[in-house]
C-alpha atoms as a PDB file:
ATOM      1  CA  UNK A   1       0.000   0.000   0.000  1.00  0.00           C
ATOM      2  CA  UNK A   2       1.394   3.376  -1.040  1.00  0.00           C
ATOM      3  CA  UNK A   3       1.746   5.965   1.703  1.00  0.00           C
ATOM      4  CA  UNK A   4       0.642   9.528   1.011  1.00  0.00           C
ATOM      5  CA  UNK A   5       3.384  12.044   0.370  1.00  0.00           C
ATOM      6  CA  UNK A   6       3.542  15.828   0.270  1.00  0.00           C
ATOM      7  CA  UNK A   7       5.332  17.477  -2.620  1.00  0.00           C
ATOM      8  CA  UNK A   8       7.162  20.734  -1.827  1.00  0.00           C
ATOM      9  CA  UNK A   9       9.024  23.205  -4.060  1.00  0.00           C
ATOM     10  CA  UNK A  10      12.532  22.408  -5.312  1.00  0.00           C
ATOM     11  CA  UNK A  11      11.683  18.717  -5.721  1.00  0.00           C
ATOM     12  CA  UNK A  12      11.380  18.146  -1.967  1.00  0.00           C
ATOM     13  CA  UNK A  13       9.025  15.362  -0.957  1.00  0.00           C
ATOM     14  CA  UNK A  14       7.800  14.580   2.542  1.00  0.00           C
ATOM     15  CA  UNK A  15       6.845  10.982   3.283  1.00  0.00           C
ATOM     16  CA  UNK A  16       5.406   9.556   6.515  1.00  0.00           C
ATOM     17  CA  UNK A  17       7.714   7.659   8.881  1.00  0.00           C
ATOM     18  CA  UNK A  18       7.016   5.212  11.688  1.00  0.00           C
ATOM     19  CA  UNK A  19       8.715   7.399  14.293  1.00  0.00           C
ATOM     20  CA  UNK A  20      10.383  10.791  14.617  1.00  0.00           C
ATOM     21  CA  UNK A  21      12.334  12.639  17.287  1.00  0.00           C
ATOM     22  CA  UNK A  22      11.109  16.009  18.526  1.00  0.00           C
ATOM     23  CA  UNK A  23      12.869  17.890  21.342  1.00  0.00           C
ATOM     24  CA  UNK A  24      14.526  14.687  22.457  1.00  0.00           C
ATOM     25  CA  UNK A  25      11.325  12.624  22.549  1.00  0.00           C
ATOM     26  CA  UNK A  26      10.697   9.823  20.053  1.00  0.00           C
ATOM     27  CA  UNK A  27       7.090   9.882  18.832  1.00  0.00           C
ATOM     28  CA  UNK A  28       5.854   6.770  17.048  1.00  0.00           C
ATOM     29  CA  UNK A  29       2.807   6.522  14.809  1.00  0.00           C
ATOM     30  CA  UNK A  30       0.697   4.929  17.587  1.00  0.00           C
ATOM     31  CA  UNK A  31       1.950   7.221  20.370  1.00  0.00           C
ATOM     32  CA  UNK A  32       2.920   4.135  22.350  1.00  0.00           C
ATOM     33  CA  UNK A  33       6.338   5.675  23.165  1.00  0.00           C
ATOM     34  CA  UNK A  34       7.830   2.185  23.041  1.00  0.00           C
ATOM     35  CA  UNK A  35      10.845   3.374  21.044  1.00  0.00           C
ATOM     36  CA  UNK A  36      11.297   6.358  23.357  1.00  0.00           C
ATOM     37  CA  UNK A  37      11.277   4.139  26.448  1.00  0.00           C
ATOM     38  CA  UNK A  38      13.717   1.758  24.781  1.00  0.00           C
ATOM     39  CA  UNK A  39      16.078   4.617  23.945  1.00  0.00           C
ATOM     40  CA  UNK A  40      15.910   6.033  27.488  1.00  0.00           C
ATOM     41  CA  UNK A  41      16.542   2.613  29.010  1.00  0.00           C
ATOM     42  CA  UNK A  42      19.534   1.969  26.774  1.00  0.00           C
ATOM     43  CA  UNK A  43      21.079   5.366  27.519  1.00  0.00           C
ATOM     44  CA  UNK A  44      20.526   5.053  31.289  1.00  0.00           C
ATOM     45  CA  UNK A  45      21.915   1.522  31.450  1.00  0.00           C
ATOM     46  CA  UNK A  46      25.142   2.752  29.834  1.00  0.00           C
ATOM     47  CA  UNK A  47      25.407   5.367  32.606  1.00  0.00           C
ATOM     48  CA  UNK A  48      24.676   2.770  35.280  1.00  0.00           C
ATOM     49  CA  UNK A  49      27.369   0.484  33.866  1.00  0.00           C
ATOM     50  CA  UNK A  50      29.908   3.315  34.099  1.00  0.00           C
ATOM     51  CA  UNK A  51      28.717   4.194  37.618  1.00  0.00           C
ATOM     52  CA  UNK A  52      29.312   0.598  38.731  1.00  0.00           C
ATOM     53  CA  UNK A  53      32.865   0.786  37.410  1.00  0.00           C
ATOM     54  CA  UNK A  54      33.521   3.928  39.460  1.00  0.00           C
ATOM     55  CA  UNK A  55      31.518   2.968  42.526  1.00  0.00           C
ATOM     56  CA  UNK A  56      34.405   1.613  44.607  1.00  0.00           C
ATOM     57  CA  UNK A  57      36.347   4.831  44.017  1.00  0.00           C
ATOM     58  CA  UNK A  58      33.627   7.257  45.160  1.00  0.00           C
ATOM     59  CA  UNK A  59      31.532   7.634  48.295  1.00  0.00           C
ATOM     60  CA  UNK A  60      27.766   7.105  48.644  1.00  0.00           C
ATOM     61  CA  UNK A  61      26.916  10.806  48.419  1.00  0.00           C
ATOM     62  CA  UNK A  62      28.865  11.303  45.191  1.00  0.00           C
ATOM     63  CA  UNK A  63      27.349   8.179  43.640  1.00  0.00           C
ATOM     64  CA  UNK A  64      23.890   9.430  44.499  1.00  0.00           C
ATOM     65  CA  UNK A  65      24.582  12.828  42.931  1.00  0.00           C
ATOM     66  CA  UNK A  66      25.835  11.169  39.738  1.00  0.00           C
ATOM     67  CA  UNK A  67      22.735   8.953  39.543  1.00  0.00           C
ATOM     68  CA  UNK A  68      20.462  11.959  40.007  1.00  0.00           C
ATOM     69  CA  UNK A  69      22.266  14.045  37.405  1.00  0.00           C
ATOM     70  CA  UNK A  70      22.715  11.411  34.695  1.00  0.00           C
ATOM     71  CA  UNK A  71      19.863   8.960  35.234  1.00  0.00           C
ATOM     72  CA  UNK A  72      16.989  10.751  36.962  1.00  0.00           C
ATOM     73  CA  UNK A  73      17.159  13.591  34.453  1.00  0.00           C
ATOM     74  CA  UNK A  74      16.679  11.145  31.594  1.00  0.00           C
ATOM     75  CA  UNK A  75      13.837   9.301  33.344  1.00  0.00           C
ATOM     76  CA  UNK A  76      12.013  12.498  34.288  1.00  0.00           C
ATOM     77  CA  UNK A  77      12.453  14.444  31.048  1.00  0.00           C
ATOM     78  CA  UNK A  78       8.995  14.910  29.471  1.00  0.00           C
ATOM     79  CA  UNK A  79       7.729  11.939  31.507  1.00  0.00           C
ATOM     80  CA  UNK A  80       4.249  13.493  31.630  1.00  0.00           C
ATOM     81  CA  UNK A  81       3.853  12.072  28.110  1.00  0.00           C
ATOM     82  CA  UNK A  82       4.007   8.593  29.647  1.00  0.00           C
ATOM     83  CA  UNK A  83       0.952   9.128  31.834  1.00  0.00           C
ATOM     84  CA  UNK A  84      -1.305   6.054  31.998  1.00  0.00           C
ATOM     85  CA  UNK A  85       0.890   3.914  29.792  1.00  0.00           C
ATOM     86  CA  UNK A  86       0.572   0.163  30.484  1.00  0.00           C
ATOM     87  CA  UNK A  87       2.715  -1.050  33.363  1.00  0.00           C
ATOM     88  CA  UNK A  88       4.326  -3.520  30.980  1.00  0.00           C
ATOM     89  CA  UNK A  89       6.058  -0.504  29.413  1.00  0.00           C
ATOM     90  CA  UNK A  90       6.678   1.531  32.553  1.00  0.00           C
ATOM     91  CA  UNK A  91       8.275  -1.507  34.170  1.00  0.00           C
ATOM     92  CA  UNK A  92      11.210  -1.083  31.762  1.00  0.00           C
ATOM     93  CA  UNK A  93      11.886   2.333  33.291  1.00  0.00           C
ATOM     94  CA  UNK A  94      11.315   0.988  36.800  1.00  0.00           C
ATOM     95  CA  UNK A  95      13.981  -1.638  36.104  1.00  0.00           C
ATOM     96  CA  UNK A  96      16.375   1.165  35.156  1.00  0.00           C
ATOM     97  CA  UNK A  97      15.603   3.063  38.372  1.00  0.00           C
ATOM     98  CA  UNK A  98      16.039  -0.119  40.415  1.00  0.00           C
ATOM     99  CA  UNK A  99      19.393  -0.797  38.749  1.00  0.00           C
ATOM    100  CA  UNK A 100      20.555   2.750  39.502  1.00  0.00           C
ATOM    101  CA  UNK A 101      19.550   2.353  43.151  1.00  0.00           C
ATOM    102  CA  UNK A 102      21.488  -0.907  43.434  1.00  0.00           C
ATOM    103  CA  UNK A 103      24.530   0.698  41.788  1.00  0.00           C
ATOM    104  CA  UNK A 104      24.483   3.597  44.245  1.00  0.00           C
ATOM    105  CA  UNK A 105      24.063   1.390  47.305  1.00  0.00           C
ATOM    106  CA  UNK A 106      26.230  -1.500  46.028  1.00  0.00           C
ATOM    107  CA  UNK A 107      23.497  -4.033  46.724  1.00  0.00           C
ATOM    108  CA  UNK A 108      22.822  -7.330  45.000  1.00  0.00           C
ATOM    109  CA  UNK A 109      20.199  -7.778  42.298  1.00  0.00           C
ATOM    110  CA  UNK A 110      18.664 -10.425  44.539  1.00  0.00           C
ATOM    111  CA  UNK A 111      17.923  -7.934  47.358  1.00  0.00           C
ATOM    112  CA  UNK A 112      14.395  -6.567  47.590  1.00  0.00           C
ATOM    113  CA  UNK A 113      14.531  -3.164  45.904  1.00  0.00           C
ATOM    114  CA  UNK A 114      11.677  -1.260  47.615  1.00  0.00           C
ATOM    115  CA  UNK A 115      13.582  -0.701  50.899  1.00  0.00           C
ATOM    116  CA  UNK A 116      16.570   0.486  48.874  1.00  0.00           C
ATOM    117  CA  UNK A 117      14.494   3.038  46.951  1.00  0.00           C
ATOM    118  CA  UNK A 118      12.785   4.094  50.168  1.00  0.00           C
ATOM    119  CA  UNK A 119      16.094   4.721  51.946  1.00  0.00           C
ATOM    120  CA  UNK A 120      17.246   6.801  48.979  1.00  0.00           C
ATOM    121  CA  UNK A 121      13.929   8.733  49.038  1.00  0.00           C
ATOM    122  CA  UNK A 122      13.389   7.996  45.338  1.00  0.00           C
ATOM    123  CA  UNK A 123       9.831   7.926  44.064  1.00  0.00           C
ATOM    124  CA  UNK A 124       8.867   5.008  41.847  1.00  0.00           C
ATOM    125  CA  UNK A 125       8.245   5.637  38.140  1.00  0.00           C
ATOM    126  CA  UNK A 126       4.443   5.937  38.314  1.00  0.00           C
ATOM    127  CA  UNK A 127       4.633   8.434  41.170  1.00  0.00           C
ATOM    128  CA  UNK A 128       7.356  10.390  39.364  1.00  0.00           C
ATOM    129  CA  UNK A 129       4.976  10.789  36.424  1.00  0.00           C
ATOM    130  CA  UNK A 130       2.123  11.795  38.742  1.00  0.00           C
ATOM    131  CA  UNK A 131       4.436  14.302  40.428  1.00  0.00           C
ATOM    132  CA  UNK A 132       5.224  15.931  37.082  1.00  0.00           C
ATOM    133  CA  UNK A 133       1.576  16.174  35.973  1.00  0.00           C
ATOM    134  CA  UNK A 134       0.358  17.415  39.374  1.00  0.00           C
ATOM    135  CA  UNK A 135       3.176  19.950  39.484  1.00  0.00           C
ATOM    136  CA  UNK A 136       2.267  21.189  36.011  1.00  0.00           C
ATOM    137  CA  UNK A 137      -1.399  21.463  37.002  1.00  0.00           C
ATOM    138  CA  UNK A 138      -0.465  23.486  40.088  1.00  0.00           C
ATOM    139  CA  UNK A 139       1.626  25.845  37.973  1.00  0.00           C
ATOM    140  CA  UNK A 140      -1.181  26.342  35.465  1.00  0.00           C
ATOM    141  CA  UNK A 141      -3.756  27.040  38.171  1.00  0.00           C
ATOM    142  CA  UNK A 142      -1.386  29.461  39.921  1.00  0.00           C
ATOM    143  CA  UNK A 143      -0.106  31.401  36.924  1.00  0.00           C
ATOM    144  CA  UNK A 144      -2.749  30.759  34.222  1.00  0.00           C
ATOM    145  CA  UNK A 145       0.181  29.842  31.986  1.00  0.00           C
ATOM    146  CA  UNK A 146       0.717  28.392  29.469  1.00  0.00           C
ATOM    147  CA  UNK A 147      -2.595  29.647  28.161  1.00  0.00           C
ATOM    148  CA  UNK A 148      -3.140  26.713  25.778  1.00  0.00           C
ATOM    149  CA  UNK A 149      -3.146  24.335  28.759  1.00  0.00           C
ATOM    150  CA  UNK A 150      -4.989  26.681  31.098  1.00  0.00           C
ATOM    151  CA  UNK A 151      -7.878  26.732  28.624  1.00  0.00           C
ATOM    152  CA  UNK A 152      -8.232  22.966  29.130  1.00  0.00           C
ATOM    153  CA  UNK A 153      -8.826  23.252  32.887  1.00  0.00           C
ATOM    154  CA  UNK A 154     -12.166  24.240  34.351  1.00  0.00           C
ATOM    155  CA  UNK A 155     -12.479  24.884  38.090  1.00  0.00           C
ATOM    156  CA  UNK A 156     -15.656  23.506  39.598  1.00  0.00           C
ATOM    157  CA  UNK A 157     -17.964  26.122  41.106  1.00  0.00           C
ATOM    158  CA  UNK A 158     -18.081  25.984  44.898  1.00  0.00           C
ATOM    159  CA  UNK A 159     -21.059  24.182  46.271  1.00  0.00           C
ATOM    160  CA  UNK A 160     -22.215  23.097  49.717  1.00  0.00           C
ATOM    161  CA  UNK A 161     -20.307  19.836  49.617  1.00  0.00           C
ATOM    162  CA  UNK A 162     -17.254  18.361  51.283  1.00  0.00           C
ATOM    163  CA  UNK A 163     -15.160  19.320  48.264  1.00  0.00           C
ATOM    164  CA  UNK A 164     -16.124  23.002  48.482  1.00  0.00           C
ATOM    165  CA  UNK A 165     -13.168  23.604  50.821  1.00  0.00           C
ATOM    166  CA  UNK A 166     -10.698  22.527  48.131  1.00  0.00           C
ATOM    167  CA  UNK A 167     -10.059  23.391  44.500  1.00  0.00           C
ATOM    168  CA  UNK A 168     -11.721  20.755  42.324  1.00  0.00           C
ATOM    169  CA  UNK A 169     -11.497  20.541  38.556  1.00  0.00           C
ATOM    170  CA  UNK A 170     -14.334  19.554  36.270  1.00  0.00           C
ATOM    171  CA  UNK A 171     -13.720  16.201  34.621  1.00  0.00           C
ATOM    172  CA  UNK A 172     -14.717  16.237  30.948  1.00  0.00           C
ATOM    173  CA  UNK A 173     -16.906  13.440  29.687  1.00  0.00           C
ATOM    174  CA  UNK A 174     -14.980  10.835  27.720  1.00  0.00           C
ATOM    175  CA  UNK A 175     -16.770  10.548  24.425  1.00  0.00           C
ATOM    176  CA  UNK A 176     -14.066   8.425  22.812  1.00  0.00           C
ATOM    177  CA  UNK A 177     -13.396   4.729  23.288  1.00  0.00           C
ATOM    178  CA  UNK A 178      -9.755   5.146  22.362  1.00  0.00           C
ATOM    179  CA  UNK A 179      -7.434   4.270  25.237  1.00  0.00           C
ATOM    180  CA  UNK A 180      -5.149   7.121  24.250  1.00  0.00           C
ATOM    181  CA  UNK A 181      -7.879   9.583  25.273  1.00  0.00           C
ATOM    182  CA  UNK A 182      -7.394   8.669  28.931  1.00  0.00           C
ATOM    183  CA  UNK A 183      -3.730   9.619  28.584  1.00  0.00           C
ATOM    184  CA  UNK A 184      -4.374  13.183  27.423  1.00  0.00           C
ATOM    185  CA  UNK A 185      -3.780  16.125  29.755  1.00  0.00           C
ATOM    186  CA  UNK A 186      -7.325  17.359  29.089  1.00  0.00           C
ATOM    187  CA  UNK A 187      -8.917  14.194  30.472  1.00  0.00           C
ATOM    188  CA  UNK A 188      -6.425  12.903  33.010  1.00  0.00           C
ATOM    189  CA  UNK A 189      -5.035  16.027  34.706  1.00  0.00           C
ATOM    190  CA  UNK A 190      -8.388  16.878  36.381  1.00  0.00           C
ATOM    191  CA  UNK A 191      -8.801  13.285  37.582  1.00  0.00           C
ATOM    192  CA  UNK A 192      -5.281  13.178  38.977  1.00  0.00           C
ATOM    193  CA  UNK A 193      -5.634  16.608  40.599  1.00  0.00           C
ATOM    194  CA  UNK A 194      -8.963  15.725  42.229  1.00  0.00           C
ATOM    195  CA  UNK A 195      -7.419  12.553  43.661  1.00  0.00           C
ATOM    196  CA  UNK A 196      -4.885  14.598  45.636  1.00  0.00           C
ATOM    197  CA  UNK A 197      -5.624  15.137  49.354  1.00  0.00           C
ATOM    198  CA  UNK A 198      -7.679  18.200  50.170  1.00  0.00           C
ATOM    199  CA  UNK A 199      -4.770  19.807  52.062  1.00  0.00           C
ATOM    200  CA  UNK A 200      -2.922  20.135  48.753  1.00  0.00           C
ATOM    201  CA  UNK A 201      -5.861  21.851  47.041  1.00  0.00           C
ATOM    202  CA  UNK A 202      -6.831  24.463  49.634  1.00  0.00           C
ATOM    203  CA  UNK A 203      -8.079  27.694  47.992  1.00  0.00           C
ATOM    204  CA  UNK A 204      -6.481  30.956  49.038  1.00  0.00           C
ATOM    205  CA  UNK A 205      -8.461  33.331  51.232  1.00  0.00           C
ATOM    206  CA  UNK A 206      -8.191  36.045  48.578  1.00  0.00           C
ATOM    207  CA  UNK A 207      -9.741  33.858  45.888  1.00  0.00           C
ATOM    208  CA  UNK A 208     -12.721  33.027  48.110  1.00  0.00           C
ATOM    209  CA  UNK A 209     -13.261  36.568  49.391  1.00  0.00           C
ATOM    210  CA  UNK A 210     -15.218  39.383  47.812  1.00  0.00           C
ATOM    211  CA  UNK A 211     -12.084  41.467  47.426  1.00  0.00           C
ATOM    212  CA  UNK A 212     -11.794  43.088  44.001  1.00  0.00           C
ATOM    213  CA  UNK A 213      -8.257  41.859  43.491  1.00  0.00           C
ATOM    214  CA  UNK A 214      -7.299  41.363  39.871  1.00  0.00           C
ATOM    215  CA  UNK A 215      -6.388  37.702  39.216  1.00  0.00           C
ATOM    216  CA  UNK A 216      -6.219  36.658  42.888  1.00  0.00           C
ATOM    217  CA  UNK A 217      -4.127  33.596  43.776  1.00  0.00           C
ATOM    218  CA  UNK A 218      -6.240  30.478  43.487  1.00  0.00           C
ATOM    219  CA  UNK A 219      -4.328  28.182  45.843  1.00  0.00           C
ATOM    220  CA  UNK A 220      -3.232  28.776  49.410  1.00  0.00           C
ATOM    221  CA  UNK A 221      -0.014  26.746  49.367  1.00  0.00           C
ATOM    222  CA  UNK A 222       3.128  28.411  48.091  1.00  0.00           C
ATOM    223  CA  UNK A 223       5.104  26.760  45.312  1.00  0.00           C
ATOM    224  CA  UNK A 224       7.726  25.292  47.668  1.00  0.00           C
ATOM    225  CA  UNK A 225       5.186  24.066  50.250  1.00  0.00           C
ATOM    226  CA  UNK A 226       3.008  22.462  47.620  1.00  0.00           C
ATOM    227  CA  UNK A 227       5.845  20.516  46.038  1.00  0.00           C
ATOM    228  CA  UNK A 228       7.267  19.468  49.394  1.00  0.00           C
ATOM    229  CA  UNK A 229       3.899  18.112  50.554  1.00  0.00           C
ATOM    230  CA  UNK A 230       3.171  16.600  47.149  1.00  0.00           C
ATOM    231  CA  UNK A 231       6.396  14.604  47.213  1.00  0.00           C
ATOM    232  CA  UNK A 232       5.677  13.430  50.763  1.00  0.00           C
ATOM    233  CA  UNK A 233       2.209  12.275  49.726  1.00  0.00           C
ATOM    234  CA  UNK A 234       3.481  10.448  46.623  1.00  0.00           C
ATOM    235  CA  UNK A 235       6.322   8.945  48.632  1.00  0.00           C
ATOM    236  CA  UNK A 236       3.735   7.251  50.851  1.00  0.00           C
ATOM    237  CA  UNK A 237       1.958   6.118  47.674  1.00  0.00           C
ATOM    238  CA  UNK A 238       5.178   4.520  46.455  1.00  0.00           C
ATOM    239  CA  UNK A 239       5.915   2.912  49.803  1.00  0.00           C
ATOM    240  CA  UNK A 240       2.679   2.417  51.764  1.00  0.00           C
ATOM    241  CA  UNK A 241       3.147   1.554  55.450  1.00  0.00           C
END
């Protein structure tokens, strides 16, 4: 079957490809991000191999800094795009994180990894993705920027309910049966935000008052307090008591 092409001036022709890289992210035709995850895993495992070679020559603190700089940055870069991917794919990245933790702590591959990650205070992959999306949602609600994402969020009008004491977002109806729809920011960010504890979504007193302040702050928590409490909450999600 012939694929459609686009003819441009000077005999330039554009043809479709299975995957393409954009700003360091590999997009495939099905948006499965399988190739992107494979590329990240391969790159990180090279770094972990080199870290293991150096591990006996450096202390724990230095090894941890190296892992954060070279491995965490790769795992966390644009990881919001991986929201709600099947665990069969995310487990590849979790394996990378587990390997990095074992390299830093010089522990065997046969040791249970959760206590190791917990002692390092490293969130698991799913919670790292949730942290990024929740953080982005907080920024959008606080600054109204970027405008193209702010237009996708709709704050629920306060009512006489338990949720009236916290900022709740309206969840759009899912009119599509495509699984990819549940991975979009438009559909999933409100659901993820509403699942956060109420103490993370407290409205500011200015936003609930009758004061004629232009663009009053919507949330009570400052940027640093929100992210500190968000990480603590997600840490308990990664490692429940």
